[in-house]
């Protein structure tokens, strides 16, 4: 039982560490939406900007890619503790995605370029990264568990007697 708990904990902690690194990568790759500072607060300086959609897209690509990587590696390495690794992929994927969101929206990595259709003389600042489509948070655990299940299903089918249902009948005595 302790080996299963250890496999679960190692899987979750590994994915959480990858989540922090993915947050820095997301922060470095994603463009920031420009905001204009007004007396009523900050408003989107260019309503036609695609930066908000790009943030969601980059998040989905980064976390989805890590989900596929973790699912494949988890299946190959965790063959002895399948259930613990599978549950670790699910819980660690959720934790990794949340850490990616937190680290990416907290730290600004890379150059921030502001190009906006704001009023002349208005102060334009880069906005913080945030997700507008919260559904992309499940891309990491969904793809990790999905690939793990697909690989296990293919492996189980390869070794299954159902693969050859019409095998030669046994010789009568």
N, C-alpha and C. Protein backbone atom coordinates (compact mmCIF):
# COMPACT_ATOMS: atom_id res chain seq x y z
N UNK A 1 0.82 -1.20 0.00
CA UNK A 1 0.00 0.00 0.00
C UNK A 1 0.86 1.26 0.00
N UNK A 2 1.99 1.24 0.69
CA UNK A 2 2.83 2.44 0.75
C UNK A 2 3.49 2.73 -0.59
N UNK A 3 3.74 1.70 -1.39
CA UNK A 3 4.31 1.92 -2.71
C UNK A 3 3.32 2.63 -3.63
N UNK A 4 2.06 2.29 -3.48
CA UNK A 4 1.04 2.96 -4.29
C UNK A 4 0.90 4.41 -3.89
N UNK A 5 0.94 4.68 -2.60
CA UNK A 5 0.87 6.07 -2.12
C UNK A 5 2.09 6.84 -2.60
N UNK A 6 3.24 6.22 -2.55
CA UNK A 6 4.46 6.87 -3.03
C UNK A 6 4.37 7.16 -4.53
N UNK A 7 3.87 6.21 -5.31
CA UNK A 7 3.73 6.43 -6.76
C UNK A 7 2.75 7.57 -7.03
N UNK A 8 1.66 7.63 -6.28
CA UNK A 8 0.70 8.72 -6.42
C UNK A 8 1.34 10.06 -6.08
N UNK A 9 2.05 10.11 -4.95
CA UNK A 9 2.66 11.37 -4.51
C UNK A 9 3.75 11.84 -5.48
N UNK A 10 4.56 10.93 -5.97
CA UNK A 10 5.61 11.30 -6.90
C UNK A 10 5.00 11.83 -8.20
N UNK A 11 3.94 11.20 -8.65
CA UNK A 11 3.27 11.65 -9.88
C UNK A 11 2.70 13.05 -9.69
N UNK A 12 2.00 13.28 -8.59
CA UNK A 12 1.40 14.59 -8.35
C UNK A 12 2.47 15.67 -8.21
N UNK A 13 3.52 15.39 -7.45
CA UNK A 13 4.58 16.39 -7.26
C UNK A 13 5.35 16.67 -8.55
N UNK A 14 5.55 15.66 -9.37
CA UNK A 14 6.23 15.87 -10.64
C UNK A 14 5.40 16.76 -11.55
N UNK A 15 4.11 16.51 -11.62
CA UNK A 15 3.24 17.32 -12.47
C UNK A 15 3.09 18.74 -11.92
N UNK A 16 3.12 18.90 -10.60
CA UNK A 16 3.06 20.24 -10.03
C UNK A 16 4.32 21.03 -10.37
N UNK A 17 5.46 20.37 -10.33
CA UNK A 17 6.71 21.04 -10.72
C UNK A 17 6.68 21.45 -12.19
N UNK A 18 6.18 20.55 -13.03
CA UNK A 18 6.03 20.89 -14.44
C UNK A 18 5.04 22.04 -14.64
N UNK A 19 4.04 22.13 -13.78
CA UNK A 19 3.06 23.22 -13.86
C UNK A 19 3.69 24.57 -13.60
N UNK A 20 4.60 24.63 -12.64
CA UNK A 20 5.28 25.90 -12.37
C UNK A 20 6.15 26.31 -13.56
N UNK A 21 6.86 25.36 -14.15
CA UNK A 21 7.68 25.66 -15.32
C UNK A 21 6.79 26.04 -16.51
N UNK A 22 5.66 25.38 -16.66
CA UNK A 22 4.74 25.69 -17.75
C UNK A 22 4.15 27.09 -17.59
N UNK A 23 3.95 27.53 -16.36
CA UNK A 23 3.47 28.89 -16.13
C UNK A 23 4.45 29.94 -16.61
N UNK A 24 5.73 29.69 -16.38
CA UNK A 24 6.75 30.61 -16.88
C UNK A 24 6.80 30.61 -18.40
N UNK A 25 6.65 29.43 -18.99
CA UNK A 25 6.63 29.34 -20.45
C UNK A 25 5.40 30.05 -21.02
N UNK A 26 4.26 29.87 -20.40
CA UNK A 26 3.02 30.53 -20.84
C UNK A 26 3.17 32.05 -20.73
N UNK A 27 3.78 32.51 -19.66
CA UNK A 27 3.99 33.94 -19.48
C UNK A 27 4.94 34.51 -20.53
N UNK A 28 5.93 33.73 -20.92
CA UNK A 28 6.89 34.21 -21.90
C UNK A 28 6.38 34.21 -23.32
N UNK A 29 5.48 33.30 -23.66
CA UNK A 29 5.01 33.17 -25.03
C UNK A 29 3.76 33.98 -25.36
N UNK A 30 2.97 34.28 -24.36
CA UNK A 30 1.65 34.85 -24.61
C UNK A 30 1.68 36.37 -24.68
N UNK A 31 1.06 36.96 -25.70
CA UNK A 31 0.98 38.42 -25.76
C UNK A 31 -0.01 38.95 -24.72
N UNK A 32 0.25 40.15 -24.25
CA UNK A 32 -0.61 40.79 -23.26
C UNK A 32 -1.63 41.69 -23.95
N UNK A 33 -2.82 41.70 -23.44
CA UNK A 33 -3.84 42.61 -23.97
C UNK A 33 -3.56 44.02 -23.43
N UNK A 34 -3.68 45.05 -24.27
CA UNK A 34 -3.44 46.42 -23.81
C UNK A 34 -4.68 47.00 -23.11
N UNK A 35 -4.43 47.67 -22.02
CA UNK A 35 -5.51 48.33 -21.27
C UNK A 35 -5.21 49.81 -21.15
N UNK A 36 -6.24 50.61 -21.19
CA UNK A 36 -6.12 52.06 -21.06
C UNK A 36 -6.55 52.45 -19.65
N UNK A 37 -5.73 53.28 -19.02
CA UNK A 37 -6.02 53.73 -17.67
C UNK A 37 -6.91 54.97 -17.76
N UNK A 38 -8.10 54.89 -17.17
CA UNK A 38 -9.04 56.01 -17.16
C UNK A 38 -9.35 56.37 -15.72
N UNK A 39 -10.18 57.40 -15.56
CA UNK A 39 -10.56 57.78 -14.19
C UNK A 39 -11.50 56.76 -13.56
N UNK A 40 -12.10 55.88 -14.37
CA UNK A 40 -13.00 54.84 -13.85
C UNK A 40 -12.30 53.50 -13.68
N UNK A 41 -11.01 53.46 -13.92
CA UNK A 41 -10.25 52.21 -13.83
C UNK A 41 -9.65 51.86 -15.17
N UNK A 42 -9.28 50.62 -15.33
CA UNK A 42 -8.68 50.19 -16.59
C UNK A 42 -9.74 49.56 -17.49
N UNK A 43 -9.68 49.91 -18.76
CA UNK A 43 -10.58 49.34 -19.76
C UNK A 43 -9.73 48.83 -20.91
N UNK A 44 -10.26 47.89 -21.63
CA UNK A 44 -9.56 47.32 -22.77
C UNK A 44 -9.34 48.41 -23.82
N UNK A 45 -8.08 48.64 -24.17
CA UNK A 45 -7.77 49.74 -25.08
C UNK A 45 -8.16 49.43 -26.52
N UNK A 46 -8.05 48.19 -26.91
CA UNK A 46 -8.38 47.80 -28.28
C UNK A 46 -9.38 46.65 -28.20
N UNK A 47 -10.67 46.94 -28.37
CA UNK A 47 -11.68 45.88 -28.25
C UNK A 47 -11.54 44.77 -29.29
N UNK A 48 -10.84 45.04 -30.38
CA UNK A 48 -10.69 44.02 -31.42
C UNK A 48 -9.42 43.19 -31.24
N UNK A 49 -8.76 43.29 -30.10
CA UNK A 49 -7.52 42.56 -29.88
C UNK A 49 -7.79 41.05 -29.79
N UNK A 50 -6.84 40.30 -30.27
CA UNK A 50 -6.91 38.84 -30.20
C UNK A 50 -6.05 38.29 -29.07
N UNK A 51 -5.49 39.18 -28.26
CA UNK A 51 -4.57 38.75 -27.20
C UNK A 51 -5.29 37.90 -26.14
N UNK A 52 -6.56 38.19 -25.88
CA UNK A 52 -7.28 37.41 -24.88
C UNK A 52 -7.50 35.97 -25.37
N UNK A 53 -7.79 35.83 -26.64
CA UNK A 53 -7.96 34.49 -27.21
C UNK A 53 -6.62 33.78 -27.30
N UNK A 54 -5.57 34.52 -27.61
CA UNK A 54 -4.23 33.93 -27.70
C UNK A 54 -3.78 33.38 -26.35
N UNK A 55 -4.14 34.05 -25.28
CA UNK A 55 -3.78 33.56 -23.95
C UNK A 55 -4.43 32.21 -23.68
N UNK A 56 -5.69 32.07 -24.04
CA UNK A 56 -6.37 30.78 -23.88
C UNK A 56 -5.75 29.71 -24.77
N UNK A 57 -5.45 30.08 -26.00
CA UNK A 57 -4.87 29.12 -26.93
C UNK A 57 -3.51 28.63 -26.51
N UNK A 58 -2.64 29.55 -26.11
CA UNK A 58 -1.31 29.15 -25.65
C UNK A 58 -1.40 28.28 -24.40
N UNK A 59 -2.32 28.62 -23.51
CA UNK A 59 -2.49 27.82 -22.30
C UNK A 59 -2.90 26.40 -22.67
N UNK A 60 -3.86 26.28 -23.59
CA UNK A 60 -4.33 24.95 -24.00
C UNK A 60 -3.24 24.16 -24.70
N UNK A 61 -2.44 24.81 -25.53
CA UNK A 61 -1.37 24.11 -26.24
C UNK A 61 -0.30 23.63 -25.26
N UNK A 62 0.10 24.49 -24.35
CA UNK A 62 1.17 24.13 -23.41
C UNK A 62 0.70 23.03 -22.45
N UNK A 63 -0.45 23.22 -21.83
CA UNK A 63 -0.92 22.22 -20.86
C UNK A 63 -1.39 20.94 -21.55
N UNK A 64 -1.95 21.06 -22.74
CA UNK A 64 -2.35 19.87 -23.47
C UNK A 64 -1.15 19.04 -23.90
N UNK A 65 -0.11 19.71 -24.37
CA UNK A 65 1.12 19.00 -24.73
C UNK A 65 1.74 18.31 -23.53
N UNK A 66 1.75 19.00 -22.40
CA UNK A 66 2.28 18.36 -21.19
C UNK A 66 1.39 17.21 -20.73
N UNK A 67 0.09 17.33 -20.94
CA UNK A 67 -0.81 16.23 -20.61
C UNK A 67 -0.51 14.98 -21.42
N UNK A 68 -0.29 15.16 -22.73
CA UNK A 68 0.06 14.01 -23.56
C UNK A 68 1.41 13.42 -23.17
N UNK A 69 2.37 14.28 -22.90
CA UNK A 69 3.69 13.81 -22.48
C UNK A 69 3.60 13.04 -21.16
N UNK A 70 2.90 13.61 -20.19
CA UNK A 70 2.80 12.97 -18.88
C UNK A 70 2.00 11.66 -18.94
N UNK A 71 0.96 11.63 -19.77
CA UNK A 71 0.19 10.40 -19.91
C UNK A 71 1.01 9.27 -20.50
N UNK A 72 1.81 9.58 -21.53
CA UNK A 72 2.66 8.55 -22.14
C UNK A 72 3.76 8.09 -21.21
N UNK A 73 4.44 9.03 -20.59
CA UNK A 73 5.53 8.67 -19.68
C UNK A 73 4.98 7.94 -18.45
N UNK A 74 3.85 8.41 -17.95
CA UNK A 74 3.23 7.74 -16.79
C UNK A 74 2.86 6.30 -17.08
N UNK A 75 2.37 6.03 -18.31
CA UNK A 75 2.00 4.66 -18.66
C UNK A 75 3.24 3.79 -18.77
N UNK A 76 4.32 4.29 -19.38
CA UNK A 76 5.52 3.48 -19.53
C UNK A 76 6.23 3.23 -18.20
N UNK A 77 6.28 4.24 -17.34
CA UNK A 77 7.02 4.11 -16.09
C UNK A 77 6.20 3.43 -15.00
N UNK A 78 4.92 3.74 -14.93
CA UNK A 78 4.10 3.26 -13.82
C UNK A 78 3.35 1.98 -14.09
N UNK A 79 3.93 1.02 -14.76
CA UNK A 79 3.24 -0.21 -15.11
C UNK A 79 2.89 -1.05 -13.88
N UNK A 80 3.63 -0.92 -12.81
CA UNK A 80 3.36 -1.76 -11.63
C UNK A 80 2.27 -1.17 -10.75
N UNK A 81 2.09 0.14 -10.80
CA UNK A 81 1.10 0.80 -9.94
C UNK A 81 0.16 1.63 -10.81
N UNK A 82 -0.59 0.94 -11.66
CA UNK A 82 -1.40 1.61 -12.66
C UNK A 82 -2.44 2.56 -12.05
N UNK A 83 -3.19 2.09 -11.07
CA UNK A 83 -4.25 2.93 -10.50
C UNK A 83 -3.68 4.15 -9.79
N UNK A 84 -2.60 3.97 -9.05
CA UNK A 84 -1.99 5.09 -8.34
C UNK A 84 -1.46 6.14 -9.31
N UNK A 85 -0.83 5.69 -10.38
CA UNK A 85 -0.30 6.63 -11.37
C UNK A 85 -1.44 7.31 -12.12
N UNK A 86 -2.49 6.56 -12.44
CA UNK A 86 -3.64 7.16 -13.13
C UNK A 86 -4.31 8.23 -12.27
N UNK A 87 -4.52 7.94 -11.01
CA UNK A 87 -5.09 8.95 -10.11
C UNK A 87 -4.14 10.12 -9.91
N UNK A 88 -2.84 9.83 -9.88
CA UNK A 88 -1.84 10.90 -9.77
C UNK A 88 -1.83 11.79 -11.00
N UNK A 89 -2.03 11.20 -12.18
CA UNK A 89 -2.12 12.00 -13.41
C UNK A 89 -3.34 12.93 -13.37
N UNK A 90 -4.43 12.42 -12.85
CA UNK A 90 -5.64 13.25 -12.78
C UNK A 90 -5.47 14.38 -11.77
N UNK A 91 -5.08 14.04 -10.54
CA UNK A 91 -4.91 15.07 -9.51
C UNK A 91 -3.74 15.99 -9.83
N UNK A 92 -2.64 15.43 -10.30
CA UNK A 92 -1.48 16.25 -10.64
C UNK A 92 -1.73 17.13 -11.85
N UNK A 93 -2.54 16.65 -12.80
CA UNK A 93 -2.89 17.48 -13.95
C UNK A 93 -3.72 18.68 -13.55
N UNK A 94 -4.65 18.49 -12.64
CA UNK A 94 -5.45 19.62 -12.13
C UNK A 94 -4.56 20.59 -11.37
N UNK A 95 -3.71 20.06 -10.49
CA UNK A 95 -2.80 20.93 -9.73
C UNK A 95 -1.80 21.63 -10.65
N UNK A 96 -1.28 20.90 -11.64
CA UNK A 96 -0.34 21.50 -12.58
C UNK A 96 -0.98 22.61 -13.40
N UNK A 97 -2.22 22.41 -13.84
CA UNK A 97 -2.92 23.45 -14.60
C UNK A 97 -3.18 24.68 -13.73
N UNK A 98 -3.56 24.47 -12.49
CA UNK A 98 -3.80 25.61 -11.59
C UNK A 98 -2.49 26.36 -11.31
N UNK A 99 -1.40 25.63 -11.12
CA UNK A 99 -0.10 26.29 -10.91
C UNK A 99 0.36 27.01 -12.17
N UNK A 100 0.08 26.45 -13.33
CA UNK A 100 0.42 27.14 -14.58
C UNK A 100 -0.32 28.46 -14.67
N UNK A 101 -1.59 28.44 -14.33
CA UNK A 101 -2.40 29.66 -14.35
C UNK A 101 -1.87 30.68 -13.34
N UNK A 102 -1.57 30.24 -12.13
CA UNK A 102 -1.12 31.17 -11.09
C UNK A 102 0.26 31.75 -11.42
N UNK A 103 1.21 30.89 -11.78
CA UNK A 103 2.57 31.37 -12.07
C UNK A 103 2.55 32.26 -13.31
N UNK A 104 1.83 31.86 -14.35
CA UNK A 104 1.79 32.64 -15.57
C UNK A 104 1.14 34.00 -15.40
N UNK A 105 0.13 34.08 -14.55
CA UNK A 105 -0.53 35.36 -14.34
C UNK A 105 0.15 36.22 -13.29
N UNK A 106 1.03 35.64 -12.50
CA UNK A 106 1.74 36.39 -11.46
C UNK A 106 3.05 36.98 -11.97
N UNK A 107 3.81 36.20 -12.72
CA UNK A 107 5.12 36.64 -13.18
C UNK A 107 5.07 37.00 -14.66
N UNK A 108 5.72 38.11 -15.01
CA UNK A 108 5.80 38.54 -16.40
C UNK A 108 7.19 38.21 -16.93
N UNK A 109 7.24 37.36 -17.92
CA UNK A 109 8.49 36.94 -18.53
C UNK A 109 8.49 37.45 -19.96
N UNK A 110 9.62 37.91 -20.43
CA UNK A 110 9.73 38.33 -21.82
C UNK A 110 9.34 39.79 -22.00
N UNK A 111 9.50 40.25 -23.23
CA UNK A 111 9.18 41.64 -23.56
C UNK A 111 7.67 41.81 -23.72
N UNK A 112 7.18 42.92 -23.23
CA UNK A 112 5.77 43.24 -23.36
C UNK A 112 5.66 44.42 -24.32
N UNK A 113 4.99 44.20 -25.43
CA UNK A 113 4.83 45.23 -26.44
C UNK A 113 3.39 45.70 -26.42
N UNK A 114 3.20 47.01 -26.37
CA UNK A 114 1.86 47.58 -26.36
C UNK A 114 1.61 48.26 -27.69
N UNK A 115 0.62 47.77 -28.39
CA UNK A 115 0.14 48.42 -29.60
C UNK A 115 -1.37 48.46 -29.47
N UNK A 116 -1.92 49.64 -29.32
CA UNK A 116 -3.35 49.73 -29.09
C UNK A 116 -3.95 50.91 -29.83
N UNK A 117 -5.22 50.81 -30.07
CA UNK A 117 -5.97 51.90 -30.70
C UNK A 117 -6.60 52.73 -29.58
N UNK A 118 -5.76 53.34 -28.78
CA UNK A 118 -6.25 54.14 -27.65
C UNK A 118 -6.31 55.61 -28.05
N UNK A 119 -6.91 56.39 -27.21
CA UNK A 119 -6.99 57.83 -27.45
C UNK A 119 -5.59 58.42 -27.36
N UNK A 120 -5.29 59.43 -28.17
CA UNK A 120 -3.97 60.06 -28.10
C UNK A 120 -3.73 60.66 -26.71
N UNK A 121 -2.57 60.40 -26.16
CA UNK A 121 -2.21 60.92 -24.85
C UNK A 121 -2.68 60.04 -23.70
N UNK A 122 -3.43 58.99 -23.98
CA UNK A 122 -3.91 58.11 -22.91
C UNK A 122 -2.79 57.18 -22.47
N UNK A 123 -2.82 56.82 -21.21
CA UNK A 123 -1.82 55.90 -20.69
C UNK A 123 -2.30 54.47 -20.95
N UNK A 124 -1.46 53.72 -21.69
CA UNK A 124 -1.79 52.34 -22.03
C UNK A 124 -0.80 51.43 -21.31
N UNK A 125 -1.32 50.41 -20.63
CA UNK A 125 -0.50 49.47 -19.87
C UNK A 125 -0.84 48.05 -20.31
N UNK A 126 0.12 47.13 -20.17
CA UNK A 126 -0.20 45.73 -20.50
C UNK A 126 -1.05 45.12 -19.39
N UNK A 127 -2.00 44.31 -19.78
CA UNK A 127 -2.84 43.63 -18.80
C UNK A 127 -2.18 42.36 -18.30
N UNK A 128 -2.66 41.88 -17.20
CA UNK A 128 -2.17 40.62 -16.67
C UNK A 128 -2.75 39.47 -17.48
N UNK A 129 -2.03 38.37 -17.52
CA UNK A 129 -2.55 37.19 -18.20
C UNK A 129 -3.70 36.61 -17.39
N UNK A 130 -4.74 36.26 -18.10
CA UNK A 130 -5.85 35.57 -17.45
C UNK A 130 -6.55 34.74 -18.51
N UNK A 131 -7.31 33.79 -18.07
CA UNK A 131 -8.06 32.94 -18.99
C UNK A 131 -9.47 33.47 -19.14
N UNK A 132 -9.93 33.56 -20.37
CA UNK A 132 -11.33 33.91 -20.60
C UNK A 132 -12.17 32.66 -20.82
N UNK A 133 -11.56 31.59 -21.23
CA UNK A 133 -12.24 30.30 -21.40
C UNK A 133 -11.72 29.35 -20.32
N UNK A 134 -12.45 29.23 -19.24
CA UNK A 134 -11.97 28.42 -18.12
C UNK A 134 -11.96 26.93 -18.43
N UNK A 135 -12.57 26.52 -19.51
CA UNK A 135 -12.57 25.11 -19.89
C UNK A 135 -11.21 24.57 -20.26
N UNK A 136 -10.28 25.44 -20.63
CA UNK A 136 -8.94 24.97 -20.99
C UNK A 136 -8.16 24.48 -19.77
N UNK A 137 -8.67 24.73 -18.59
CA UNK A 137 -8.00 24.23 -17.38
C UNK A 137 -7.99 22.70 -17.32
N UNK A 138 -8.92 22.06 -17.99
CA UNK A 138 -8.98 20.59 -17.93
C UNK A 138 -8.21 19.91 -19.04
N UNK A 139 -7.53 20.68 -19.89
CA UNK A 139 -6.81 20.04 -20.99
C UNK A 139 -5.68 19.14 -20.50
N UNK A 140 -4.96 19.55 -19.47
CA UNK A 140 -3.86 18.73 -18.96
C UNK A 140 -4.36 17.40 -18.39
N UNK A 141 -5.25 17.42 -17.38
CA UNK A 141 -5.67 16.12 -16.83
C UNK A 141 -6.45 15.28 -17.83
N UNK A 142 -7.25 15.91 -18.67
CA UNK A 142 -8.05 15.16 -19.63
C UNK A 142 -7.18 14.43 -20.65
N UNK A 143 -6.19 15.11 -21.21
CA UNK A 143 -5.33 14.46 -22.19
C UNK A 143 -4.38 13.46 -21.55
N UNK A 144 -3.93 13.72 -20.34
CA UNK A 144 -3.04 12.77 -19.65
C UNK A 144 -3.78 11.47 -19.35
N UNK A 145 -4.95 11.57 -18.77
CA UNK A 145 -5.73 10.38 -18.44
C UNK A 145 -6.23 9.69 -19.71
N UNK A 146 -6.61 10.48 -20.71
CA UNK A 146 -7.09 9.90 -21.96
C UNK A 146 -6.02 9.10 -22.69
N UNK A 147 -4.81 9.64 -22.78
CA UNK A 147 -3.73 8.91 -23.44
C UNK A 147 -3.34 7.68 -22.63
N UNK A 148 -3.31 7.81 -21.32
CA UNK A 148 -3.00 6.68 -20.45
C UNK A 148 -4.01 5.55 -20.69
N UNK A 149 -5.29 5.89 -20.72
CA UNK A 149 -6.34 4.88 -20.93
C UNK A 149 -6.26 4.28 -22.33
N UNK A 150 -5.97 5.09 -23.32
CA UNK A 150 -5.84 4.59 -24.68
C UNK A 150 -4.68 3.60 -24.80
N UNK A 151 -3.56 3.94 -24.21
CA UNK A 151 -2.40 3.05 -24.28
C UNK A 151 -2.66 1.75 -23.51
N UNK A 152 -3.31 1.85 -22.39
CA UNK A 152 -3.62 0.65 -21.62
C UNK A 152 -4.64 -0.22 -22.36
N UNK A 153 -5.60 0.42 -23.01
CA UNK A 153 -6.58 -0.34 -23.79
C UNK A 153 -5.95 -1.05 -24.97
N UNK A 154 -5.04 -0.39 -25.66
CA UNK A 154 -4.35 -1.03 -26.78
C UNK A 154 -3.46 -2.17 -26.30
N UNK A 155 -2.81 -1.97 -25.17
CA UNK A 155 -1.94 -3.02 -24.63
C UNK A 155 -2.79 -4.21 -24.16
N UNK A 156 -3.89 -3.93 -23.51
CA UNK A 156 -4.77 -5.00 -23.06
C UNK A 156 -5.39 -5.77 -24.21
N UNK A 157 -5.72 -5.08 -25.29
CA UNK A 157 -6.29 -5.75 -26.45
C UNK A 157 -5.26 -6.64 -27.13
N UNK A 158 -4.02 -6.19 -27.17
CA UNK A 158 -2.97 -6.98 -27.81
C UNK A 158 -2.77 -8.31 -27.10
N UNK A 159 -2.94 -8.33 -25.79
CA UNK A 159 -2.74 -9.55 -25.01
C UNK A 159 -4.02 -10.32 -24.76
N UNK A 160 -5.13 -9.85 -25.28
CA UNK A 160 -6.44 -10.44 -24.99
C UNK A 160 -6.71 -11.66 -25.86
N UNK A 161 -7.38 -12.67 -25.30
CA UNK A 161 -7.80 -13.80 -26.13
C UNK A 161 -8.94 -13.41 -27.09
N UNK A 162 -9.57 -12.28 -26.84
CA UNK A 162 -10.63 -11.83 -27.73
C UNK A 162 -10.10 -11.32 -29.06
N UNK A 163 -8.81 -11.14 -29.13
CA UNK A 163 -8.21 -10.66 -30.38
C UNK A 163 -8.35 -11.70 -31.49
N UNK A 164 -8.36 -12.96 -31.12
CA UNK A 164 -8.53 -14.05 -32.08
C UNK A 164 -9.72 -14.90 -31.65
N UNK A 165 -10.95 -14.42 -31.85
CA UNK A 165 -12.10 -15.15 -31.33
C UNK A 165 -12.36 -16.45 -32.10
N UNK A 166 -11.90 -16.56 -33.31
CA UNK A 166 -12.17 -17.76 -34.11
C UNK A 166 -10.89 -18.58 -34.29
N UNK A 167 -10.22 -18.79 -33.20
CA UNK A 167 -9.00 -19.59 -33.26
C UNK A 167 -9.37 -21.04 -33.54
N UNK A 168 -8.39 -21.80 -33.88
CA UNK A 168 -8.63 -23.22 -34.16
C UNK A 168 -9.22 -23.89 -32.93
N UNK A 169 -10.26 -24.69 -33.14
CA UNK A 169 -10.85 -25.38 -31.99
C UNK A 169 -9.88 -26.44 -31.46
N UNK A 170 -9.99 -26.73 -30.19
CA UNK A 170 -9.09 -27.75 -29.64
C UNK A 170 -9.36 -29.12 -30.30
N UNK A 171 -8.32 -29.91 -30.40
CA UNK A 171 -8.43 -31.24 -31.00
C UNK A 171 -9.28 -32.14 -30.10
N UNK A 172 -10.29 -32.82 -30.69
CA UNK A 172 -11.08 -33.78 -29.86
C UNK A 172 -10.24 -35.01 -29.57
N UNK A 173 -10.47 -35.58 -28.44
CA UNK A 173 -9.72 -36.79 -28.05
C UNK A 173 -10.37 -38.00 -28.54
